[in-house]
Amino acid sequence: LDFHDFGLTLEAFSQTVAITVLATIYSVLLGLVLAAFGARNLMKNKFVTYALSAFFTFLRAVPTPVWGLGPAAGIVGLCVHATAFFARAFTQSFEDVPEEVIEALEATGASKLHIFLSAILPAAASQIMAWTGLRFEINFSESAILGMIGAGGIGFAIANNIQGYQFGAAGLAIVLVFVFAYCVELVFTTIKKNYI
């Protein structure tokens, strides 16, 4: 491993992490909202649920690089793809909540928002955390791949070093990616096991 340009490698790595974090936060929030409208047990209008499901499928089918290169375009591309992923995954999580629970709350006069916040969201919290952890890892790897094709970040550093035959520096960048991905998995597993 070559630590000669470690500062530049670390800066590129931090850029990739920043893109990953921002894209994940934005897409989780958008995914939660869209999933609430796409869940059949919350939204009784079948046309809306089918239309949203088709829209999510279309967005997931579009590859991330299509949305453009560079950090800003990378965030947008990851957000679009991850939002469609989260909306579909969260919809399934929300639909797993027993219909009897929703009917009991509706019988007491609870609003849709109250039902969502007090019953659906807490019941799906464990699955939401699991999906978020999985997608965070995917976003990180996609962000690194986007970097290899010109979006900057750690992927660009790896590609640049390999093209310049600086395999020690490229190896260091790859080790950083591996260690970060492993730590992310540990963090999300710990959170899910101990707090949800």
N, C-alpha and C. Protein backbone atom coordinates (compact mmCIF):
# COMPACT_ATOMS: atom_id res chain seq x y z
N LEU A 1 0.85 -1.20 0.00
CA LEU A 1 0.00 0.00 0.00
C LEU A 1 0.88 1.24 0.00
N ASP A 2 0.47 2.24 -0.77
CA ASP A 2 1.24 3.48 -0.90
C ASP A 2 0.49 4.62 -0.22
N PHE A 3 1.08 5.16 0.87
CA PHE A 3 0.46 6.24 1.63
C PHE A 3 0.95 7.62 1.17
N HIS A 4 1.66 7.68 0.04
CA HIS A 4 2.26 8.94 -0.39
C HIS A 4 1.22 10.04 -0.61
N ASP A 5 0.13 9.73 -1.30
CA ASP A 5 -0.94 10.72 -1.56
C ASP A 5 -2.19 10.40 -0.75
N PHE A 6 -1.98 9.98 0.49
CA PHE A 6 -3.12 9.56 1.32
C PHE A 6 -4.12 10.69 1.55
N GLY A 7 -3.63 11.94 1.65
CA GLY A 7 -4.52 13.10 1.84
C GLY A 7 -5.49 13.24 0.68
N LEU A 8 -5.00 13.09 -0.54
CA LEU A 8 -5.87 13.20 -1.72
C LEU A 8 -6.85 12.03 -1.78
N THR A 9 -6.37 10.85 -1.42
CA THR A 9 -7.24 9.68 -1.40
C THR A 9 -8.36 9.85 -0.37
N LEU A 10 -7.99 10.37 0.80
CA LEU A 10 -8.97 10.59 1.86
C LEU A 10 -10.00 11.65 1.45
N GLU A 11 -9.54 12.68 0.75
CA GLU A 11 -10.46 13.72 0.27
C GLU A 11 -11.45 13.15 -0.74
N ALA A 12 -10.94 12.32 -1.66
CA ALA A 12 -11.81 11.68 -2.65
C ALA A 12 -12.79 10.73 -1.97
N PHE A 13 -12.30 10.01 -0.96
CA PHE A 13 -13.15 9.10 -0.20
C PHE A 13 -14.27 9.85 0.52
N SER A 14 -13.92 10.99 1.13
CA SER A 14 -14.93 11.78 1.86
C SER A 14 -15.98 12.34 0.91
N GLN A 15 -15.59 12.65 -0.33
CA GLN A 15 -16.56 13.13 -1.32
C GLN A 15 -17.56 12.03 -1.66
N THR A 16 -17.08 10.82 -1.81
CA THR A 16 -17.96 9.68 -2.11
C THR A 16 -18.91 9.41 -0.94
N VAL A 17 -18.39 9.49 0.28
CA VAL A 17 -19.24 9.28 1.46
C VAL A 17 -20.30 10.37 1.54
N ALA A 18 -19.92 11.62 1.27
CA ALA A 18 -20.88 12.73 1.32
C ALA A 18 -22.00 12.53 0.30
N ILE A 19 -21.65 12.13 -0.92
CA ILE A 19 -22.66 11.86 -1.94
C ILE A 19 -23.58 10.73 -1.49
N THR A 20 -23.00 9.70 -0.91
CA THR A 20 -23.78 8.54 -0.45
C THR A 20 -24.76 8.95 0.65
N VAL A 21 -24.28 9.70 1.64
CA VAL A 21 -25.12 10.11 2.77
C VAL A 21 -26.26 11.00 2.30
N LEU A 22 -25.95 12.01 1.48
CA LEU A 22 -26.99 12.93 1.00
C LEU A 22 -28.03 12.19 0.16
N ALA A 23 -27.57 11.36 -0.76
CA ALA A 23 -28.50 10.62 -1.61
C ALA A 23 -29.39 9.70 -0.79
N THR A 24 -28.83 9.08 0.24
CA THR A 24 -29.62 8.16 1.07
C THR A 24 -30.65 8.92 1.90
N ILE A 25 -30.25 10.02 2.51
CA ILE A 25 -31.19 10.80 3.33
C ILE A 25 -32.35 11.29 2.49
N TYR A 26 -32.04 11.92 1.34
CA TYR A 26 -33.11 12.44 0.48
C TYR A 26 -34.04 11.33 0.01
N SER A 27 -33.47 10.21 -0.40
CA SER A 27 -34.29 9.14 -0.96
C SER A 27 -35.12 8.42 0.10
N VAL A 28 -34.60 8.31 1.33
CA VAL A 28 -35.40 7.70 2.40
C VAL A 28 -36.63 8.55 2.68
N LEU A 29 -36.43 9.86 2.80
CA LEU A 29 -37.56 10.76 3.08
C LEU A 29 -38.59 10.73 1.96
N LEU A 30 -38.12 10.83 0.72
CA LEU A 30 -39.05 10.77 -0.42
C LEU A 30 -39.71 9.39 -0.52
N GLY A 31 -38.93 8.34 -0.26
CA GLY A 31 -39.48 6.99 -0.32
C GLY A 31 -40.58 6.74 0.69
N LEU A 32 -40.40 7.29 1.91
CA LEU A 32 -41.44 7.14 2.94
C LEU A 32 -42.74 7.80 2.51
N VAL A 33 -42.64 9.00 1.96
CA VAL A 33 -43.84 9.73 1.54
C VAL A 33 -44.53 8.99 0.39
N LEU A 34 -43.75 8.62 -0.62
CA LEU A 34 -44.35 7.94 -1.77
C LEU A 34 -44.90 6.56 -1.41
N ALA A 35 -44.23 5.87 -0.49
CA ALA A 35 -44.71 4.55 -0.07
C ALA A 35 -46.04 4.65 0.66
N ALA A 36 -46.23 5.73 1.41
CA ALA A 36 -47.50 5.93 2.11
C ALA A 36 -48.65 6.04 1.12
N PHE A 37 -48.38 6.65 -0.03
CA PHE A 37 -49.42 6.78 -1.06
C PHE A 37 -49.54 5.51 -1.91
N GLY A 38 -48.47 4.69 -1.92
CA GLY A 38 -48.49 3.49 -2.74
C GLY A 38 -48.98 2.24 -2.03
N ALA A 39 -49.08 2.30 -0.69
CA ALA A 39 -49.52 1.13 0.08
C ALA A 39 -51.02 0.92 -0.06
N ARG A 40 -51.41 -0.28 -0.44
CA ARG A 40 -52.83 -0.57 -0.68
C ARG A 40 -53.68 -0.52 0.59
N ASN A 41 -53.04 -0.77 1.75
CA ASN A 41 -53.83 -0.74 2.98
C ASN A 41 -54.02 0.69 3.50
N LEU A 42 -53.30 1.64 2.94
CA LEU A 42 -53.49 3.05 3.32
C LEU A 42 -54.25 3.82 2.26
N MET A 43 -53.89 3.60 1.02
CA MET A 43 -54.52 4.29 -0.11
C MET A 43 -55.51 3.34 -0.76
N LYS A 44 -56.77 3.63 -0.63
CA LYS A 44 -57.80 2.71 -1.13
C LYS A 44 -58.03 2.85 -2.63
N ASN A 45 -57.51 3.92 -3.24
CA ASN A 45 -57.68 4.14 -4.67
C ASN A 45 -56.69 3.25 -5.44
N LYS A 46 -57.19 2.21 -6.10
CA LYS A 46 -56.33 1.25 -6.79
C LYS A 46 -55.56 1.87 -7.94
N PHE A 47 -56.18 2.85 -8.61
CA PHE A 47 -55.50 3.49 -9.74
C PHE A 47 -54.22 4.17 -9.28
N VAL A 48 -54.28 4.86 -8.13
CA VAL A 48 -53.10 5.56 -7.60
C VAL A 48 -52.00 4.56 -7.24
N THR A 49 -52.36 3.48 -6.57
CA THR A 49 -51.35 2.50 -6.16
C THR A 49 -50.71 1.82 -7.37
N TYR A 50 -51.50 1.48 -8.40
CA TYR A 50 -50.95 0.85 -9.59
C TYR A 50 -50.08 1.82 -10.38
N ALA A 51 -50.53 3.07 -10.48
CA ALA A 51 -49.77 4.09 -11.22
C ALA A 51 -48.42 4.34 -10.53
N LEU A 52 -48.43 4.44 -9.21
CA LEU A 52 -47.18 4.65 -8.48
C LEU A 52 -46.25 3.45 -8.62
N SER A 53 -46.80 2.26 -8.55
CA SER A 53 -46.00 1.05 -8.69
C SER A 53 -45.32 1.01 -10.07
N ALA A 54 -46.06 1.36 -11.11
CA ALA A 54 -45.49 1.38 -12.47
C ALA A 54 -44.41 2.46 -12.58
N PHE A 55 -44.65 3.61 -11.95
CA PHE A 55 -43.68 4.71 -11.98
C PHE A 55 -42.39 4.31 -11.27
N PHE A 56 -42.51 3.63 -10.12
CA PHE A 56 -41.33 3.17 -9.38
C PHE A 56 -40.53 2.16 -10.22
N THR A 57 -41.24 1.29 -10.90
CA THR A 57 -40.58 0.29 -11.74
C THR A 57 -39.79 0.96 -12.86
N PHE A 58 -40.39 1.98 -13.48
CA PHE A 58 -39.72 2.72 -14.54
C PHE A 58 -38.45 3.39 -14.01
N LEU A 59 -38.54 4.06 -12.86
CA LEU A 59 -37.37 4.74 -12.30
C LEU A 59 -36.26 3.77 -11.93
N ARG A 60 -36.63 2.60 -11.41
CA ARG A 60 -35.61 1.60 -11.06
C ARG A 60 -34.93 1.04 -12.29
N ALA A 61 -35.62 1.05 -13.42
CA ALA A 61 -35.07 0.48 -14.65
C ALA A 61 -34.05 1.41 -15.30
N VAL A 62 -34.09 2.71 -14.98
CA VAL A 62 -33.16 3.67 -15.59
C VAL A 62 -31.84 3.62 -14.83
N PRO A 63 -30.73 3.30 -15.51
CA PRO A 63 -29.43 3.22 -14.83
C PRO A 63 -29.02 4.59 -14.26
N THR A 64 -28.33 4.56 -13.14
CA THR A 64 -27.92 5.80 -12.46
C THR A 64 -27.10 6.74 -13.33
N PRO A 65 -26.11 6.26 -14.12
CA PRO A 65 -25.30 7.19 -14.92
C PRO A 65 -26.08 7.98 -15.96
N VAL A 66 -27.30 7.53 -16.31
CA VAL A 66 -28.11 8.23 -17.30
C VAL A 66 -28.42 9.66 -16.85
N TRP A 67 -28.51 9.86 -15.53
CA TRP A 67 -28.88 11.17 -14.99
C TRP A 67 -27.74 12.17 -15.04
N GLY A 68 -26.55 11.75 -15.45
CA GLY A 68 -25.43 12.67 -15.60
C GLY A 68 -24.28 12.35 -14.66
N LEU A 69 -23.14 13.02 -14.89
CA LEU A 69 -21.96 12.81 -14.09
C LEU A 69 -21.65 14.05 -13.26
N GLY A 70 -20.70 13.91 -12.34
CA GLY A 70 -20.37 14.99 -11.43
C GLY A 70 -21.07 14.78 -10.10
N PRO A 71 -20.59 15.43 -9.03
CA PRO A 71 -21.17 15.21 -7.70
C PRO A 71 -22.67 15.53 -7.63
N ALA A 72 -23.09 16.68 -8.17
CA ALA A 72 -24.51 17.07 -8.08
C ALA A 72 -25.38 16.10 -8.87
N ALA A 73 -24.97 15.80 -10.10
CA ALA A 73 -25.74 14.85 -10.91
C ALA A 73 -25.70 13.46 -10.31
N GLY A 74 -24.57 13.12 -9.66
CA GLY A 74 -24.48 11.83 -8.99
C GLY A 74 -25.48 11.70 -7.88
N ILE A 75 -25.64 12.78 -7.08
CA ILE A 75 -26.62 12.77 -6.00
C ILE A 75 -28.02 12.62 -6.57
N VAL A 76 -28.32 13.37 -7.63
CA VAL A 76 -29.65 13.30 -8.26
C VAL A 76 -29.91 11.89 -8.79
N GLY A 77 -28.93 11.34 -9.52
CA GLY A 77 -29.11 10.00 -10.08
C GLY A 77 -29.31 8.94 -9.03
N LEU A 78 -28.48 8.99 -7.98
CA LEU A 78 -28.64 8.03 -6.88
C LEU A 78 -29.97 8.23 -6.18
N CYS A 79 -30.38 9.49 -6.00
CA CYS A 79 -31.65 9.79 -5.32
C CYS A 79 -32.84 9.22 -6.09
N VAL A 80 -32.84 9.44 -7.39
CA VAL A 80 -33.96 8.96 -8.21
C VAL A 80 -34.07 7.44 -8.11
N HIS A 81 -32.96 6.77 -8.32
CA HIS A 81 -32.95 5.31 -8.30
C HIS A 81 -33.28 4.78 -6.91
N ALA A 82 -32.66 5.37 -5.87
CA ALA A 82 -32.88 4.90 -4.50
C ALA A 82 -34.28 5.22 -4.00
N THR A 83 -34.83 6.36 -4.43
CA THR A 83 -36.20 6.70 -4.03
C THR A 83 -37.18 5.66 -4.55
N ALA A 84 -37.01 5.26 -5.81
CA ALA A 84 -37.87 4.22 -6.38
C ALA A 84 -37.70 2.90 -5.63
N PHE A 85 -36.45 2.59 -5.26
CA PHE A 85 -36.17 1.37 -4.49
C PHE A 85 -36.86 1.43 -3.13
N PHE A 86 -36.66 2.55 -2.41
CA PHE A 86 -37.25 2.69 -1.08
C PHE A 86 -38.78 2.70 -1.14
N ALA A 87 -39.33 3.39 -2.12
CA ALA A 87 -40.79 3.46 -2.22
C ALA A 87 -41.37 2.07 -2.38
N ARG A 88 -40.74 1.25 -3.22
CA ARG A 88 -41.24 -0.12 -3.42
C ARG A 88 -41.04 -0.97 -2.16
N ALA A 89 -39.85 -0.88 -1.56
CA ALA A 89 -39.56 -1.69 -0.37
C ALA A 89 -40.43 -1.26 0.81
N PHE A 90 -40.56 0.05 1.02
CA PHE A 90 -41.36 0.55 2.14
C PHE A 90 -42.84 0.25 1.94
N THR A 91 -43.29 0.29 0.69
CA THR A 91 -44.69 -0.06 0.41
C THR A 91 -44.98 -1.48 0.88
N GLN A 92 -44.07 -2.40 0.56
CA GLN A 92 -44.25 -3.78 1.00
C GLN A 92 -44.23 -3.88 2.52
N SER A 93 -43.34 -3.11 3.16
CA SER A 93 -43.27 -3.12 4.63
C SER A 93 -44.56 -2.60 5.24
N PHE A 94 -45.11 -1.53 4.66
CA PHE A 94 -46.35 -0.96 5.18
C PHE A 94 -47.53 -1.92 4.97
N GLU A 95 -47.53 -2.62 3.84
CA GLU A 95 -48.62 -3.55 3.55
C GLU A 95 -48.57 -4.80 4.41
N ASP A 96 -47.42 -5.06 5.06
CA ASP A 96 -47.31 -6.21 5.96
C ASP A 96 -48.01 -5.98 7.30
N VAL A 97 -48.35 -4.71 7.59
CA VAL A 97 -49.06 -4.42 8.84
C VAL A 97 -50.48 -5.00 8.73
N PRO A 98 -50.91 -5.78 9.73
CA PRO A 98 -52.23 -6.43 9.65
C PRO A 98 -53.37 -5.43 9.43
N GLU A 99 -54.28 -5.81 8.55
CA GLU A 99 -55.43 -4.96 8.21
C GLU A 99 -56.30 -4.69 9.45
N GLU A 100 -56.33 -5.65 10.39
CA GLU A 100 -57.16 -5.48 11.59
C GLU A 100 -56.71 -4.28 12.43
N VAL A 101 -55.41 -4.06 12.47
CA VAL A 101 -54.86 -2.93 13.24
C VAL A 101 -55.35 -1.62 12.65
N ILE A 102 -55.30 -1.52 11.33
CA ILE A 102 -55.74 -0.29 10.66
C ILE A 102 -57.24 -0.09 10.83
N GLU A 103 -58.01 -1.17 10.69
CA GLU A 103 -59.47 -1.07 10.84
C GLU A 103 -59.85 -0.67 12.27
N ALA A 104 -59.12 -1.19 13.26
CA ALA A 104 -59.40 -0.83 14.67
C ALA A 104 -59.15 0.66 14.90
N LEU A 105 -58.07 1.18 14.32
CA LEU A 105 -57.77 2.61 14.49
C LEU A 105 -58.77 3.48 13.73
N GLU A 106 -59.18 3.01 12.55
CA GLU A 106 -60.19 3.75 11.79
C GLU A 106 -61.51 3.80 12.54
N ALA A 107 -61.84 2.71 13.25
CA ALA A 107 -63.10 2.64 14.02
C ALA A 107 -63.10 3.65 15.17
N THR A 108 -61.91 3.99 15.67
CA THR A 108 -61.84 4.98 16.75
C THR A 108 -61.84 6.41 16.22
N GLY A 109 -61.85 6.54 14.88
CA GLY A 109 -61.88 7.88 14.27
C GLY A 109 -60.51 8.46 13.98
N ALA A 110 -59.48 7.63 14.01
CA ALA A 110 -58.12 8.12 13.74
C ALA A 110 -57.98 8.51 12.27
N SER A 111 -57.25 9.59 12.03
CA SER A 111 -57.00 10.04 10.66
C SER A 111 -55.94 9.16 10.00
N LYS A 112 -55.84 9.28 8.69
CA LYS A 112 -54.83 8.51 7.94
C LYS A 112 -53.42 8.83 8.45
N LEU A 113 -53.16 10.11 8.72
CA LEU A 113 -51.84 10.52 9.20
C LEU A 113 -51.56 9.90 10.57
N HIS A 114 -52.55 9.90 11.45
CA HIS A 114 -52.39 9.32 12.78
C HIS A 114 -52.15 7.82 12.69
N ILE A 115 -52.88 7.16 11.81
CA ILE A 115 -52.70 5.72 11.62
C ILE A 115 -51.28 5.43 11.12
N PHE A 116 -50.84 6.25 10.17
CA PHE A 116 -49.50 6.06 9.60
C PHE A 116 -48.43 6.26 10.66
N LEU A 117 -48.53 7.34 11.45
CA LEU A 117 -47.48 7.67 12.42
C LEU A 117 -47.50 6.77 13.65
N SER A 118 -48.69 6.35 14.08
CA SER A 118 -48.77 5.60 15.34
C SER A 118 -48.80 4.09 15.16
N ALA A 119 -49.14 3.60 13.98
CA ALA A 119 -49.23 2.15 13.78
C ALA A 119 -48.32 1.64 12.67
N ILE A 120 -48.46 2.21 11.49
CA ILE A 120 -47.74 1.69 10.32
C ILE A 120 -46.23 1.89 10.47
N LEU A 121 -45.83 3.13 10.75
CA LEU A 121 -44.40 3.45 10.81
C LEU A 121 -43.68 2.67 11.91
N PRO A 122 -44.20 2.64 13.15
CA PRO A 122 -43.52 1.84 14.18
C PRO A 122 -43.45 0.35 13.85
N ALA A 123 -44.51 -0.19 13.26
CA ALA A 123 -44.53 -1.62 12.93
C ALA A 123 -43.51 -1.96 11.84
N ALA A 124 -43.26 -1.00 10.96
CA ALA A 124 -42.34 -1.25 9.85
C ALA A 124 -40.92 -0.75 10.13
N ALA A 125 -40.66 -0.22 11.32
CA ALA A 125 -39.37 0.42 11.63
C ALA A 125 -38.19 -0.51 11.42
N SER A 126 -38.30 -1.76 11.85
CA SER A 126 -37.21 -2.71 11.70
C SER A 126 -36.89 -2.96 10.22
N GLN A 127 -37.93 -3.14 9.42
CA GLN A 127 -37.73 -3.37 7.99
C GLN A 127 -37.18 -2.12 7.30
N ILE A 128 -37.65 -0.95 7.73
CA ILE A 128 -37.16 0.31 7.16
C ILE A 128 -35.66 0.45 7.43
N MET A 129 -35.24 0.12 8.64
CA MET A 129 -33.82 0.21 8.98
C MET A 129 -32.99 -0.80 8.16
N ALA A 130 -33.52 -2.00 7.99
CA ALA A 130 -32.81 -3.01 7.20
C ALA A 130 -32.67 -2.58 5.75
N TRP A 131 -33.77 -2.08 5.15
CA TRP A 131 -33.72 -1.62 3.77
C TRP A 131 -32.78 -0.42 3.62
N THR A 132 -32.79 0.48 4.61
CA THR A 132 -31.92 1.65 4.55
C THR A 132 -30.45 1.25 4.59
N GLY A 133 -30.12 0.31 5.47
CA GLY A 133 -28.74 -0.17 5.55
C GLY A 133 -28.29 -0.81 4.25
N LEU A 134 -29.16 -1.63 3.68
CA LEU A 134 -28.83 -2.30 2.42
C LEU A 134 -28.62 -1.27 1.30
N ARG A 135 -29.54 -0.31 1.22
CA ARG A 135 -29.45 0.67 0.13
C ARG A 135 -28.28 1.63 0.34
N PHE A 136 -27.93 1.92 1.59
CA PHE A 136 -26.77 2.77 1.85
C PHE A 136 -25.51 2.12 1.27
N GLU A 137 -25.37 0.81 1.47
CA GLU A 137 -24.23 0.10 0.91
C GLU A 137 -24.26 0.13 -0.62
N ILE A 138 -25.44 -0.05 -1.19
CA ILE A 138 -25.57 0.00 -2.65
C ILE A 138 -25.23 1.39 -3.17
N ASN A 139 -25.75 2.43 -2.48
CA ASN A 139 -25.45 3.81 -2.89
C ASN A 139 -23.96 4.09 -2.85
N PHE A 140 -23.30 3.56 -1.82
CA PHE A 140 -21.86 3.78 -1.70
C PHE A 140 -21.12 3.14 -2.87
N SER A 141 -21.47 1.89 -3.19
CA SER A 141 -20.79 1.22 -4.30
C SER A 141 -21.12 1.89 -5.63
N GLU A 142 -22.37 2.33 -5.83
CA GLU A 142 -22.74 3.01 -7.06
C GLU A 142 -22.04 4.36 -7.17
N SER A 143 -21.88 5.04 -6.04
CA SER A 143 -21.17 6.31 -6.02
C SER A 143 -19.71 6.11 -6.42
N ALA A 144 -19.11 5.05 -5.94
CA ALA A 144 -17.72 4.73 -6.32
C ALA A 144 -17.63 4.40 -7.81
N ILE A 145 -18.61 3.67 -8.33
CA ILE A 145 -18.62 3.33 -9.75
C ILE A 145 -18.81 4.59 -10.60
N LEU A 146 -19.71 5.47 -10.16
CA LEU A 146 -19.89 6.74 -10.88
C LEU A 146 -18.58 7.52 -10.92
N GLY A 147 -17.81 7.45 -9.82
CA GLY A 147 -16.51 8.12 -9.78
C GLY A 147 -15.55 7.57 -10.81
N MET A 148 -15.63 6.26 -11.07
CA MET A 148 -14.73 5.64 -12.05
C MET A 148 -15.03 6.10 -13.47
N ILE A 149 -16.26 6.55 -13.71
CA ILE A 149 -16.59 7.01 -15.06
C ILE A 149 -16.71 8.53 -15.12
N GLY A 150 -16.10 9.22 -14.14
CA GLY A 150 -15.95 10.67 -14.26
C GLY A 150 -16.67 11.53 -13.26
N ALA A 151 -17.33 10.95 -12.26
CA ALA A 151 -18.07 11.78 -11.30
C ALA A 151 -17.22 12.21 -10.11
N GLY A 152 -15.98 11.80 -10.07
CA GLY A 152 -15.10 12.18 -8.95
C GLY A 152 -15.22 11.21 -7.80
N GLY A 153 -14.56 11.53 -6.71
CA GLY A 153 -14.63 10.69 -5.53
C GLY A 153 -13.63 9.55 -5.57
N ILE A 154 -13.86 8.56 -4.72
CA ILE A 154 -12.90 7.47 -4.55
C ILE A 154 -12.79 6.60 -5.81
N GLY A 155 -13.87 6.46 -6.54
CA GLY A 155 -13.83 5.70 -7.78
C GLY A 155 -12.89 6.33 -8.79
N PHE A 156 -12.91 7.65 -8.87
CA PHE A 156 -12.01 8.36 -9.78
C PHE A 156 -10.56 8.16 -9.35
N ALA A 157 -10.32 8.21 -8.02
CA ALA A 157 -8.96 8.00 -7.49
C ALA A 157 -8.47 6.60 -7.83
N ILE A 158 -9.33 5.59 -7.67
CA ILE A 158 -8.94 4.22 -7.99
C ILE A 158 -8.61 4.08 -9.48
N ALA A 159 -9.51 4.57 -10.33
CA ALA A 159 -9.30 4.46 -11.78
C ALA A 159 -8.04 5.20 -12.21
N ASN A 160 -7.84 6.41 -11.66
CA ASN A 160 -6.68 7.23 -12.01
C ASN A 160 -5.38 6.54 -11.62
N ASN A 161 -5.36 5.99 -10.41
CA ASN A 161 -4.15 5.32 -9.94
C ASN A 161 -3.85 4.05 -10.72
N ILE A 162 -4.88 3.31 -11.09
CA ILE A 162 -4.66 2.11 -11.89
C ILE A 162 -4.12 2.47 -13.28
N GLN A 163 -4.72 3.51 -13.89
CA GLN A 163 -4.24 3.93 -15.21
C GLN A 163 -2.81 4.45 -15.16
N GLY A 164 -2.41 5.04 -14.00
CA GLY A 164 -1.05 5.54 -13.85
C GLY A 164 -0.10 4.50 -13.27
N TYR A 165 -0.55 3.25 -13.19
CA TYR A 165 0.26 2.14 -12.66
C TYR A 165 0.71 2.38 -11.21
N GLN A 166 -0.09 3.13 -10.47
CA GLN A 166 0.20 3.37 -9.04
C GLN A 166 -0.68 2.41 -8.23
N PHE A 167 -0.32 1.15 -8.28
CA PHE A 167 -1.17 0.11 -7.70
C PHE A 167 -1.21 0.16 -6.18
N GLY A 168 -0.16 0.69 -5.55
CA GLY A 168 -0.16 0.84 -4.09
C GLY A 168 -1.19 1.83 -3.63
N ALA A 169 -1.31 2.97 -4.35
CA ALA A 169 -2.31 3.99 -4.02
C ALA A 169 -3.71 3.49 -4.33
N ALA A 170 -3.85 2.77 -5.45
CA ALA A 170 -5.16 2.20 -5.80
C ALA A 170 -5.57 1.16 -4.76
N GLY A 171 -4.61 0.34 -4.31
CA GLY A 171 -4.89 -0.65 -3.28
C GLY A 171 -5.34 -0.03 -1.98
N LEU A 172 -4.72 1.09 -1.60
CA LEU A 172 -5.11 1.79 -0.38
C LEU A 172 -6.55 2.30 -0.49
N ALA A 173 -6.90 2.85 -1.65
CA ALA A 173 -8.27 3.33 -1.87
C ALA A 173 -9.27 2.19 -1.79
N ILE A 174 -8.92 1.04 -2.36
CA ILE A 174 -9.80 -0.13 -2.33
C ILE A 174 -9.98 -0.64 -0.90
N VAL A 175 -8.90 -0.62 -0.11
CA VAL A 175 -8.98 -1.02 1.29
C VAL A 175 -9.91 -0.08 2.06
N LEU A 176 -9.82 1.23 1.79
CA LEU A 176 -10.72 2.20 2.43
C LEU A 176 -12.18 1.87 2.12
N VAL A 177 -12.46 1.56 0.87
CA VAL A 177 -13.82 1.21 0.45
C VAL A 177 -14.30 -0.03 1.21
N PHE A 178 -13.46 -1.05 1.27
CA PHE A 178 -13.83 -2.30 1.96
C PHE A 178 -14.09 -2.05 3.45
N VAL A 179 -13.18 -1.33 4.11
CA VAL A 179 -13.32 -1.08 5.56
C VAL A 179 -14.59 -0.28 5.84
N PHE A 180 -14.87 0.72 5.01
CA PHE A 180 -16.07 1.54 5.20
C PHE A 180 -17.33 0.69 5.02
N ALA A 181 -17.38 -0.11 3.96
CA ALA A 181 -18.56 -0.96 3.71
C ALA A 181 -18.78 -1.93 4.87
N TYR A 182 -17.70 -2.49 5.40
CA TYR A 182 -17.82 -3.42 6.52
C TYR A 182 -18.33 -2.70 7.77
N CYS A 183 -17.82 -1.50 8.03
CA CYS A 183 -18.25 -0.73 9.21
C CYS A 183 -19.72 -0.34 9.10
N VAL A 184 -20.14 0.02 7.90
CA VAL A 184 -21.56 0.37 7.67
C VAL A 184 -22.45 -0.82 8.01
N GLU A 185 -22.06 -2.00 7.55
CA GLU A 185 -22.84 -3.21 7.84
C GLU A 185 -22.92 -3.46 9.35
N LEU A 186 -21.80 -3.30 10.04
CA LEU A 186 -21.78 -3.49 11.49
C LEU A 186 -22.69 -2.50 12.20
N VAL A 187 -22.63 -1.23 11.79
CA VAL A 187 -23.43 -0.18 12.44
C VAL A 187 -24.91 -0.47 12.27
N PHE A 188 -25.35 -0.75 11.05
CA PHE A 188 -26.78 -0.98 10.81
C PHE A 188 -27.26 -2.26 11.49
N THR A 189 -26.43 -3.29 11.54
CA THR A 189 -26.79 -4.53 12.23
C THR A 189 -26.95 -4.27 13.72
N THR A 190 -26.03 -3.49 14.30
CA THR A 190 -26.10 -3.17 15.73
C THR A 190 -27.34 -2.35 16.05
N ILE A 191 -27.63 -1.36 15.21
CA ILE A 191 -28.81 -0.52 15.43
C ILE A 191 -30.08 -1.36 15.39
N LYS A 192 -30.17 -2.22 14.37
CA LYS A 192 -31.37 -3.04 14.22
C LYS A 192 -31.52 -4.01 15.38
N LYS A 193 -30.41 -4.59 15.85
CA LYS A 193 -30.47 -5.58 16.90
C LYS A 193 -30.78 -4.97 18.27
N ASN A 194 -30.20 -3.81 18.56
CA ASN A 194 -30.28 -3.24 19.91
C ASN A 194 -31.33 -2.16 20.10
N TYR A 195 -31.74 -1.49 19.04
CA TYR A 195 -32.61 -0.32 19.23
C TYR A 195 -33.96 -0.43 18.54
N ILE A 196 -34.15 -1.43 17.69
CA ILE A 196 -35.44 -1.52 17.00
C ILE A 196 -36.04 -2.90 17.21
